[in-house]
N, C-alpha and C. Protein backbone atom coordinates (compact mmCIF):
# COMPACT_ATOMS: atom_id res chain seq x y z
N MET A 1 73.71 -101.37 87.77
CA MET A 1 73.43 -100.52 89.51
C MET A 1 74.10 -98.68 89.06
N LYS A 2 75.22 -98.67 88.45
CA LYS A 2 75.60 -97.46 88.24
C LYS A 2 74.56 -96.52 87.52
N LYS A 3 73.90 -97.18 86.95
CA LYS A 3 72.78 -96.18 86.01
C LYS A 3 71.66 -95.90 86.98
N ILE A 4 71.35 -96.90 87.94
CA ILE A 4 70.25 -96.25 88.59
C ILE A 4 70.66 -95.45 89.80
N LEU A 5 72.10 -95.39 89.97
CA LEU A 5 72.46 -94.59 91.06
C LEU A 5 72.71 -93.31 90.75
N VAL A 6 73.12 -93.14 89.08
CA VAL A 6 73.27 -91.91 88.54
C VAL A 6 71.88 -91.15 88.23
N PHE A 7 70.88 -91.97 87.73
CA PHE A 7 69.49 -91.47 87.60
C PHE A 7 68.79 -90.76 88.93
N LEU A 8 69.06 -91.84 90.19
CA LEU A 8 68.83 -91.28 91.21
C LEU A 8 69.17 -90.05 91.52
N LEU A 9 70.63 -89.64 91.49
CA LEU A 9 71.44 -88.49 91.87
C LEU A 9 70.87 -87.52 90.96
N SER A 10 70.42 -87.47 89.54
CA SER A 10 70.41 -86.70 88.59
C SER A 10 68.63 -86.00 88.96
N ALA A 11 67.60 -87.28 89.65
CA ALA A 11 66.63 -86.85 89.97
C ALA A 11 66.19 -86.13 91.22
N LEU A 12 67.87 -86.36 92.30
CA LEU A 12 67.74 -85.40 93.27
C LEU A 12 68.15 -84.02 92.98
N ILE A 13 68.88 -83.91 92.30
CA ILE A 13 69.35 -82.46 91.81
C ILE A 13 68.35 -81.88 90.91
N VAL A 14 67.49 -82.40 90.17
CA VAL A 14 66.58 -81.91 89.45
C VAL A 14 65.42 -81.35 90.72
N ASN A 15 64.90 -82.38 91.80
CA ASN A 15 64.30 -81.87 92.77
C ASN A 15 64.71 -80.74 93.42
N ILE A 16 66.05 -80.80 93.76
CA ILE A 16 66.42 -79.74 94.62
C ILE A 16 66.22 -78.24 93.79
N ALA A 17 66.84 -78.42 92.44
CA ALA A 17 66.50 -77.12 91.50
C ALA A 17 65.22 -76.68 91.63
N GLN A 18 64.42 -77.58 91.72
CA GLN A 18 62.57 -77.30 91.28
C GLN A 18 62.39 -76.44 92.60
N ALA A 19 62.92 -77.09 93.72
CA ALA A 19 62.33 -76.70 95.16
C ALA A 19 62.90 -75.24 95.27
N LYS A 20 64.04 -74.80 94.80
CA LYS A 20 64.52 -73.48 94.84
C LYS A 20 63.96 -72.74 94.12
N GLN A 21 63.14 -73.15 93.39
CA GLN A 21 62.13 -71.94 92.06
C GLN A 21 60.53 -71.87 92.62
N ILE A 22 60.49 -72.29 93.99
CA ILE A 22 59.13 -72.06 94.50
C ILE A 22 58.72 -70.65 94.09
N SER A 23 57.59 -70.39 93.85
CA SER A 23 56.94 -68.84 93.65
C SER A 23 56.79 -68.54 95.32
N TYR A 24 56.56 -67.24 94.97
CA TYR A 24 56.74 -66.43 96.26
C TYR A 24 55.15 -66.96 97.10
N VAL A 25 54.07 -66.99 96.12
CA VAL A 25 52.56 -67.17 97.00
C VAL A 25 52.54 -68.96 97.43
N GLU A 26 53.60 -69.41 96.52
CA GLU A 26 53.76 -70.94 96.82
C GLU A 26 54.42 -71.22 98.42
N GLU A 27 55.16 -70.40 98.66
CA GLU A 27 56.26 -69.95 99.80
C GLU A 27 55.14 -69.89 101.12
N MET A 28 54.51 -68.38 100.54
CA MET A 28 53.62 -68.11 101.42
C MET A 28 52.49 -69.19 102.08
N GLN A 29 52.31 -69.73 101.00
CA GLN A 29 50.73 -71.19 101.49
C GLN A 29 51.49 -71.74 102.37
N ALA A 30 52.78 -72.42 101.89
CA ALA A 30 54.04 -73.01 103.11
C ALA A 30 54.02 -72.79 104.43
N LEU A 31 54.09 -71.13 104.54
CA LEU A 31 54.59 -70.72 105.45
C LEU A 31 53.12 -70.78 106.60
N GLY A 32 51.77 -70.49 105.91
CA GLY A 32 50.59 -70.31 106.30
C GLY A 32 50.28 -71.62 106.99
N ALA A 33 50.55 -72.81 106.17
CA ALA A 33 50.06 -74.07 106.61
C ALA A 33 50.72 -74.39 107.77
N VAL A 34 52.02 -74.41 107.53
CA VAL A 34 52.72 -74.57 109.35
C VAL A 34 52.51 -73.65 110.25
N SER A 35 52.11 -72.33 110.14
CA SER A 35 51.72 -71.33 111.15
C SER A 35 50.18 -71.88 111.75
N GLY A 36 49.35 -72.17 110.77
CA GLY A 36 48.24 -72.91 111.28
C GLY A 36 48.39 -74.11 112.38
N GLN A 37 49.35 -74.87 111.98
CA GLN A 37 49.63 -76.09 112.61
C GLN A 37 50.20 -75.78 114.05
N GLY A 38 51.22 -74.78 113.71
CA GLY A 38 51.68 -74.47 115.29
C GLY A 38 50.77 -73.59 116.20
N LEU A 39 49.79 -72.68 115.49
CA LEU A 39 48.59 -72.34 116.40
C LEU A 39 47.50 -73.41 116.81
N ALA A 40 47.41 -74.13 116.20
CA ALA A 40 46.17 -75.24 116.80
C ALA A 40 46.87 -76.28 117.71
N CYS A 41 48.01 -76.25 117.34
CA CYS A 41 49.02 -77.03 118.80
C CYS A 41 49.44 -76.36 119.65
N ASN A 42 49.42 -75.04 119.88
CA ASN A 42 50.22 -74.30 120.88
C ASN A 42 51.33 -74.24 121.11
N ALA A 43 51.96 -74.11 119.80
CA ALA A 43 53.57 -74.51 119.88
C ALA A 43 53.94 -73.30 120.69
N SER A 44 55.00 -73.06 121.66
CA SER A 44 55.55 -72.06 122.19
C SER A 44 56.36 -71.19 121.70
N LYS A 45 57.14 -71.49 120.10
CA LYS A 45 57.70 -70.27 119.48
C LYS A 45 56.35 -69.96 118.34
N TYR A 46 55.12 -70.38 118.50
CA TYR A 46 54.40 -69.83 117.43
C TYR A 46 54.21 -68.13 117.28
N ASP A 47 54.37 -67.36 118.12
CA ASP A 47 54.58 -65.82 117.86
C ASP A 47 55.55 -65.60 117.36
N THR A 48 56.85 -66.01 117.52
CA THR A 48 58.09 -65.79 116.85
C THR A 48 57.78 -66.25 115.20
N PHE A 49 57.52 -67.56 115.20
CA PHE A 49 57.19 -67.53 113.85
C PHE A 49 56.45 -66.97 113.25
N GLU A 50 55.51 -66.27 113.74
CA GLU A 50 54.30 -65.29 113.02
C GLU A 50 55.12 -64.05 112.82
N LEU A 51 55.73 -63.37 113.70
CA LEU A 51 56.81 -62.32 113.31
C LEU A 51 57.57 -62.84 112.28
N LEU A 52 58.35 -63.50 111.97
CA LEU A 52 59.38 -63.96 110.95
C LEU A 52 58.91 -64.35 109.57
N ALA A 53 57.55 -65.23 109.71
CA ALA A 53 56.80 -65.51 108.80
C ALA A 53 56.27 -64.38 107.78
N ARG A 54 55.82 -63.22 108.68
CA ARG A 54 55.24 -61.79 108.18
C ARG A 54 56.30 -60.90 107.65
N ALA A 55 57.47 -60.75 108.22
CA ALA A 55 58.67 -60.28 107.73
C ALA A 55 59.02 -61.02 106.57
N ILE A 56 59.32 -62.10 106.28
CA ILE A 56 59.43 -62.68 105.11
C ILE A 56 58.29 -62.38 103.99
N MET A 57 57.16 -62.35 104.28
CA MET A 57 56.08 -62.00 103.37
C MET A 57 56.13 -60.64 102.82
N ILE A 58 56.54 -59.87 103.80
CA ILE A 58 56.80 -58.42 103.50
C ILE A 58 57.85 -58.43 102.48
N SER A 59 59.13 -58.96 103.27
CA SER A 59 60.61 -58.26 102.58
C SER A 59 60.63 -59.38 101.28
N LYS A 60 60.09 -60.36 101.03
CA LYS A 60 60.24 -61.07 99.84
C LYS A 60 59.26 -60.50 98.76
N ALA A 61 58.29 -59.72 99.00
CA ALA A 61 57.45 -59.54 97.81
C ALA A 61 57.94 -58.24 97.12
N SER A 62 57.82 -58.37 95.86
CA SER A 62 58.50 -57.75 94.54
C SER A 62 57.47 -56.49 94.50
N SER A 63 56.39 -56.44 94.87
CA SER A 63 55.26 -55.30 95.10
C SER A 63 54.24 -55.60 95.86
N ASP A 64 53.36 -54.45 96.06
CA ASP A 64 52.17 -54.56 96.78
C ASP A 64 51.17 -55.37 96.49
N ALA A 65 51.10 -55.63 95.25
CA ALA A 65 50.03 -56.47 94.68
C ALA A 65 50.50 -57.66 94.96
N GLU A 66 51.48 -58.20 94.55
CA GLU A 66 52.09 -59.32 95.01
C GLU A 66 52.19 -59.72 96.46
N GLN A 67 52.52 -58.95 97.71
CA GLN A 67 52.10 -59.02 98.69
C GLN A 67 51.06 -59.36 99.11
N GLU A 68 49.81 -58.61 98.65
CA GLU A 68 48.53 -59.03 98.91
C GLU A 68 48.31 -60.05 98.46
N LYS A 69 48.69 -60.91 97.22
CA LYS A 69 47.95 -62.36 97.05
C LYS A 69 49.24 -63.03 98.01
N GLY A 70 50.19 -63.04 98.57
CA GLY A 70 51.06 -63.60 99.13
C GLY A 70 50.24 -63.62 100.67
N MET A 71 49.63 -62.53 101.41
CA MET A 71 49.04 -62.22 102.56
C MET A 71 47.81 -63.29 102.53
N LYS A 72 47.06 -63.07 101.35
CA LYS A 72 45.49 -63.83 101.37
C LYS A 72 45.94 -65.50 101.06
N ALA A 73 46.89 -65.94 100.63
CA ALA A 73 47.62 -67.17 100.27
C ALA A 73 47.73 -67.46 101.81
N TYR A 74 48.75 -66.77 102.41
CA TYR A 74 49.14 -67.21 103.92
C TYR A 74 48.13 -67.28 104.84
N ASN A 75 47.19 -66.26 104.83
CA ASN A 75 45.54 -66.69 105.71
C ASN A 75 45.20 -67.71 105.17
N GLU A 76 44.66 -67.95 103.85
CA GLU A 76 43.76 -69.36 103.93
C GLU A 76 44.76 -70.65 104.11
N TYR A 77 45.70 -70.60 103.69
CA TYR A 77 46.61 -71.85 104.28
C TYR A 77 46.55 -72.11 105.73
N LYS A 78 46.88 -71.03 106.55
CA LYS A 78 46.78 -70.71 108.17
C LYS A 78 45.50 -71.40 108.60
N ALA A 79 44.51 -71.04 107.84
CA ALA A 79 43.03 -71.13 108.56
C ALA A 79 42.95 -72.43 108.32
N ASP A 80 42.84 -73.11 106.92
CA ASP A 80 42.92 -74.32 106.50
C ASP A 80 43.60 -75.55 107.49
N ALA A 81 44.59 -75.10 107.66
CA ALA A 81 45.50 -76.21 108.63
C ALA A 81 45.08 -76.16 109.98
N PHE A 82 44.41 -74.94 110.55
CA PHE A 82 43.83 -74.79 111.87
C PHE A 82 42.96 -75.63 111.77
N ILE A 83 42.00 -75.69 110.83
CA ILE A 83 40.68 -76.22 110.76
C ILE A 83 40.91 -77.55 110.38
N SER A 84 41.69 -78.05 109.70
CA SER A 84 42.05 -79.69 109.66
C SER A 84 42.69 -80.12 110.89
N LYS A 85 43.62 -79.37 111.68
CA LYS A 85 43.80 -79.64 112.88
C LYS A 85 42.99 -80.10 114.13
N MET A 86 41.72 -79.30 114.18
CA MET A 86 40.51 -79.19 114.74
C MET A 86 39.70 -80.37 114.28
N ARG A 87 39.54 -80.37 113.52
CA ARG A 87 38.50 -81.43 113.19
C ARG A 87 38.97 -83.11 113.32
N ASP A 88 40.81 -83.01 113.12
CA ASP A 88 41.06 -84.38 113.69
C ASP A 88 41.28 -84.27 115.46
N GLY A 89 40.61 -83.34 115.90
CA GLY A 89 40.31 -83.73 117.46
C GLY A 89 41.99 -82.82 117.69
N PHE A 90 42.73 -82.45 117.04
CA PHE A 90 44.32 -81.66 117.70
C PHE A 90 45.06 -83.29 117.94
N ALA A 91 45.13 -83.63 117.21
CA ALA A 91 45.44 -85.13 117.13
C ALA A 91 47.32 -84.96 116.90
N ASP A 92 47.93 -85.59 118.00
CA ASP A 92 49.50 -85.69 117.70
C ASP A 92 50.17 -83.98 117.85
N CYS A 93 49.16 -83.51 118.54
CA CYS A 93 49.55 -82.05 118.87
C CYS A 93 50.87 -81.78 119.56
N ARG A 94 51.07 -82.78 120.58
CA ARG A 94 52.47 -82.84 121.35
C ARG A 94 53.82 -82.96 120.50
N SER A 95 53.58 -83.74 119.68
CA SER A 95 54.78 -83.89 118.47
C SER A 95 55.40 -82.83 117.45
N ILE A 96 53.79 -82.17 117.13
CA ILE A 96 53.68 -81.43 115.89
C ILE A 96 54.48 -80.11 116.92
N ALA A 97 54.12 -79.84 117.88
CA ALA A 97 54.32 -78.76 118.56
C ALA A 97 55.76 -78.58 118.67
N ALA A 98 56.47 -79.74 119.22
CA ALA A 98 57.96 -80.07 119.57
C ALA A 98 58.60 -79.73 118.14
N ALA A 99 58.29 -80.46 117.00
CA ALA A 99 58.65 -80.39 116.07
C ALA A 99 58.83 -78.79 115.24
N PHE A 100 57.68 -78.30 115.46
CA PHE A 100 57.41 -76.84 114.96
C PHE A 100 58.39 -76.05 115.88
N ASP A 101 59.05 -75.99 117.28
CA ASP A 101 59.60 -75.27 117.98
C ASP A 101 61.02 -75.56 117.60
N LYS A 102 61.23 -76.50 117.02
CA LYS A 102 62.77 -76.79 116.15
C LYS A 102 63.05 -76.75 114.84
N GLN A 103 62.17 -75.75 114.17
CA GLN A 103 62.36 -75.45 112.74
C GLN A 103 63.56 -74.28 112.45
N ALA A 104 64.18 -74.73 111.53
CA ALA A 104 65.47 -74.02 111.11
C ALA A 104 65.05 -72.18 110.84
N ILE A 105 63.90 -71.97 110.60
CA ILE A 105 63.33 -70.30 110.66
C ILE A 105 63.95 -69.49 112.03
N PHE A 106 63.82 -70.39 113.03
CA PHE A 106 64.14 -69.60 114.08
C PHE A 106 65.69 -69.23 114.26
N LYS A 107 66.38 -69.86 113.36
CA LYS A 107 67.97 -69.16 113.83
C LYS A 107 67.93 -67.95 112.45
N ALA A 108 66.49 -67.62 112.19
CA ALA A 108 66.93 -66.31 110.99
C ALA A 108 67.11 -65.12 112.03
N THR A 109 67.65 -64.38 111.43
CA THR A 109 67.59 -62.80 112.30
C THR A 109 66.94 -61.60 111.60
N LEU A 110 65.88 -61.42 112.27
CA LEU A 110 65.44 -59.91 111.54
C LEU A 110 65.91 -59.06 112.21
N TYR A 111 66.33 -57.91 111.43
CA TYR A 111 66.78 -56.78 111.22
C TYR A 111 65.54 -55.32 111.60
N GLY A 112 66.05 -54.46 112.36
CA GLY A 112 64.99 -53.51 112.70
C GLY A 112 64.18 -52.55 111.26
N ASP A 113 65.06 -52.83 110.00
CA ASP A 113 64.36 -52.02 108.76
C ASP A 113 63.79 -53.52 107.86
N GLY A 114 63.49 -54.73 108.71
CA GLY A 114 63.03 -55.23 107.45
C GLY A 114 63.86 -56.62 106.91
N THR A 115 65.28 -56.26 106.96
CA THR A 115 66.18 -57.45 106.49
C THR A 115 66.42 -58.32 107.40
N ILE A 116 66.53 -59.66 106.64
CA ILE A 116 66.31 -60.81 107.43
C ILE A 116 67.63 -61.44 106.79
N LYS A 117 68.38 -62.12 107.73
CA LYS A 117 69.65 -63.05 107.44
C LYS A 117 68.91 -64.46 107.72
N MET A 118 68.45 -65.21 106.73
CA MET A 118 68.12 -66.75 107.02
C MET A 118 69.31 -67.27 107.19
N PRO A 119 68.87 -68.47 107.94
CA PRO A 119 69.92 -69.65 108.38
C PRO A 119 70.65 -70.23 107.57
N ASP A 120 70.63 -70.00 106.34
CA ASP A 120 71.54 -70.53 105.26
C ASP A 120 72.52 -69.38 104.76
N GLY A 121 72.45 -68.45 105.43
CA GLY A 121 73.02 -67.22 105.41
C GLY A 121 72.73 -66.61 104.49
N SER A 122 71.87 -66.49 103.40
CA SER A 122 71.34 -65.78 102.53
C SER A 122 70.60 -64.56 102.93
N ILE A 123 70.25 -63.35 102.46
CA ILE A 123 70.17 -61.90 102.96
C ILE A 123 68.58 -61.91 102.11
N ILE A 124 67.53 -61.60 102.96
CA ILE A 124 66.39 -61.19 102.29
C ILE A 124 66.11 -59.44 102.47
N THR A 125 66.42 -58.91 101.42
CA THR A 125 66.38 -57.12 101.69
C THR A 125 65.02 -56.59 101.04
N PRO A 126 64.05 -56.03 101.83
CA PRO A 126 63.01 -55.55 101.23
C PRO A 126 63.06 -54.60 100.73
N ARG A 127 61.86 -54.50 99.59
CA ARG A 127 62.21 -53.48 98.60
C ARG A 127 61.83 -51.97 99.24
N GLN A 128 61.50 -52.06 100.24
CA GLN A 128 61.82 -50.52 101.00
C GLN A 128 61.97 -50.82 102.54
N ALA A 129 62.53 -50.19 103.28
CA ALA A 129 62.72 -50.38 104.81
C ALA A 129 61.59 -50.00 105.46
N TYR A 130 61.21 -50.94 106.48
CA TYR A 130 60.14 -50.65 107.27
C TYR A 130 60.43 -51.42 108.69
N ASP A 131 59.45 -50.86 109.51
CA ASP A 131 59.73 -51.26 110.91
C ASP A 131 59.21 -52.57 111.18
N ALA A 132 60.22 -53.27 111.64
CA ALA A 132 59.92 -54.69 111.61
C ALA A 132 59.10 -55.17 113.32
N THR A 133 59.23 -54.48 114.00
CA THR A 133 58.43 -54.69 115.10
C THR A 133 56.95 -54.19 114.80
N LEU A 134 56.68 -53.83 113.88
CA LEU A 134 55.05 -53.57 113.54
C LEU A 134 54.57 -54.70 112.72
N VAL A 135 55.12 -55.58 112.21
CA VAL A 135 54.47 -56.47 111.21
C VAL A 135 53.50 -57.50 112.02
N TYR A 136 54.02 -57.76 113.45
CA TYR A 136 52.72 -58.82 114.40
C TYR A 136 52.78 -58.11 115.60
N LYS A 137 51.61 -58.32 115.86
CA LYS A 137 51.14 -58.19 117.35
C LYS A 137 50.90 -59.09 117.87
N LYS A 138 51.47 -59.70 118.93
CA LYS A 138 51.08 -60.75 119.71
C LYS A 138 49.64 -61.19 120.29
N ASP A 139 48.82 -62.03 120.21
CA ASP A 139 47.65 -62.02 120.68
C ASP A 139 47.36 -63.21 121.32
N PRO A 140 47.34 -63.49 122.71
CA PRO A 140 47.16 -64.85 123.36
C PRO A 140 45.86 -65.31 123.45
N ASP A 141 45.18 -64.79 122.70
CA ASP A 141 43.66 -65.41 122.55
C ASP A 141 43.94 -65.90 121.10
N ALA A 142 44.54 -65.86 120.19
CA ALA A 142 44.48 -66.09 118.88
C ALA A 142 43.43 -67.44 118.29
N ARG A 143 44.23 -68.37 119.24
CA ARG A 143 43.80 -69.88 119.19
C ARG A 143 42.11 -69.95 119.47
N ASN A 144 41.94 -69.34 120.33
CA ASN A 144 40.42 -69.33 120.85
C ASN A 144 39.60 -68.44 119.64
N LYS A 145 40.08 -67.33 119.29
CA LYS A 145 39.50 -66.82 118.21
C LYS A 145 38.96 -67.76 116.91
N TYR A 146 40.24 -68.39 116.57
CA TYR A 146 39.99 -69.41 115.37
C TYR A 146 39.12 -70.19 115.76
N ILE A 147 39.15 -70.95 116.77
CA ILE A 147 37.78 -72.05 117.23
C ILE A 147 36.53 -71.52 117.42
N LYS A 148 36.39 -69.91 117.76
CA LYS A 148 35.19 -69.41 118.27
C LYS A 148 34.98 -69.18 116.21
N MET A 149 35.60 -68.33 115.38
CA MET A 149 35.50 -68.03 114.18
C MET A 149 34.78 -69.64 113.43
N TYR A 150 35.19 -70.46 113.74
CA TYR A 150 34.99 -71.82 113.16
C TYR A 150 33.83 -72.11 113.85
N ASN A 151 33.70 -72.22 114.73
CA ASN A 151 31.95 -72.86 115.23
C ASN A 151 30.73 -71.98 114.85
N GLU A 152 31.36 -70.74 114.73
CA GLU A 152 30.10 -69.41 114.42
C GLU A 152 29.87 -69.92 112.96
N GLN A 153 30.96 -70.03 111.93
CA GLN A 153 30.76 -70.35 110.66
C GLN A 153 29.97 -71.58 110.34
N ASN A 154 30.26 -72.87 111.24
CA ASN A 154 29.49 -73.93 111.12
C ASN A 154 27.92 -73.72 111.64
N ASN A 155 27.65 -73.23 112.72
CA ASN A 155 26.63 -72.79 112.96
C ASN A 155 25.82 -72.42 111.86
N ARG A 156 26.12 -70.92 111.36
CA ARG A 156 25.49 -70.20 110.28
C ARG A 156 25.08 -71.54 109.28
N ILE A 157 25.79 -72.32 108.79
CA ILE A 157 25.82 -73.13 107.49
C ILE A 157 25.09 -74.07 108.20
N HIS A 158 25.30 -74.56 109.14
CA HIS A 158 23.96 -75.74 109.80
C HIS A 158 22.77 -75.15 109.79
N ASN A 159 22.51 -73.76 110.30
CA ASN A 159 21.16 -73.05 110.42
C ASN A 159 20.26 -72.65 109.02
N ASP A 160 21.40 -72.73 108.04
CA ASP A 160 20.72 -72.08 106.83
C ASP A 160 19.81 -73.23 106.03
N PRO A 161 18.89 -72.89 105.62
CA PRO A 161 17.60 -73.17 105.25
C PRO A 161 18.04 -74.53 104.08
N ALA A 162 18.78 -73.73 102.93
CA ALA A 162 19.28 -74.59 101.77
C ALA A 162 20.14 -75.70 102.49
N PHE A 163 20.73 -75.55 103.58
CA PHE A 163 21.71 -76.70 103.83
C PHE A 163 20.93 -77.61 104.52
N GLN A 164 19.94 -77.24 105.27
CA GLN A 164 18.85 -77.85 105.74
C GLN A 164 17.97 -78.85 104.75
N LYS A 165 17.42 -78.38 103.84
CA LYS A 165 16.87 -78.86 102.81
C LYS A 165 17.95 -79.90 101.95
N ALA A 166 19.31 -79.49 101.52
CA ALA A 166 20.09 -80.34 100.82
C ALA A 166 20.07 -81.57 101.80
N LEU A 167 20.45 -81.39 103.38
CA LEU A 167 20.82 -82.66 104.15
C LEU A 167 19.44 -83.36 104.12
N ARG A 168 18.31 -82.87 104.06
CA ARG A 168 17.11 -84.08 104.15
C ARG A 168 16.75 -84.93 102.73
N GLU A 169 17.26 -84.10 101.94
CA GLU A 169 17.28 -84.50 100.59
C GLU A 169 18.34 -85.78 100.55
N LYS A 170 19.55 -85.67 100.97
CA LYS A 170 20.50 -86.56 101.21
C LYS A 170 20.05 -87.73 101.87
N GLN A 171 19.65 -87.18 103.16
CA GLN A 171 19.12 -88.23 104.25
C GLN A 171 18.19 -89.68 103.12
N LEU A 172 17.09 -88.67 102.71
CA LEU A 172 16.35 -89.50 102.16
C LEU A 172 16.67 -90.40 101.06
N GLN A 173 17.69 -89.81 100.24
CA GLN A 173 18.26 -90.68 99.10
C GLN A 173 19.34 -92.02 99.69
N ALA A 174 19.72 -91.64 100.84
CA ALA A 174 20.49 -92.77 101.68
C ALA A 174 19.54 -93.50 102.12
N GLY A 175 17.80 -93.37 102.19
CA GLY A 175 17.00 -94.25 102.87
C GLY A 175 17.09 -93.97 104.41
N MET A 176 17.49 -93.13 104.91
CA MET A 176 17.37 -92.52 106.55
C MET A 176 16.12 -91.94 106.60
């Protein structure tokens, strides 16, 4: 029994250590996925999350190139999470929005120069000071824009002759 307990504790410690070694891009992917869920479910603290996530993205990047990679990863995962929620009919959004609004990130403090004091007490200092009020501009119509973008993309795909041909071939193969 003691061996099992020791093994479980050591596995837990290793997992915690690995979690702290998450790469910048992986962190941006995670923030993007959470943001997409919050936007899709109309979470009341979505705009505050966006401001903090973007500040983290800028402040943690070690270079402009890394920041660009992080921004791309953030936006891709945000869009994917939003589309996923849209495809499942925005199922369980009430509980997702409630959980979203209770995240620890909202206990972070963002200072005017881009410095962030995280809930765990750690300080993230940007490589160069910037005006933190400019990292995010609230867009009350963001959710509708995402839905419109998705529908336009879907319509383009479905109206593409190559798609129509592939669909007919697949239907013939399936015996329809």
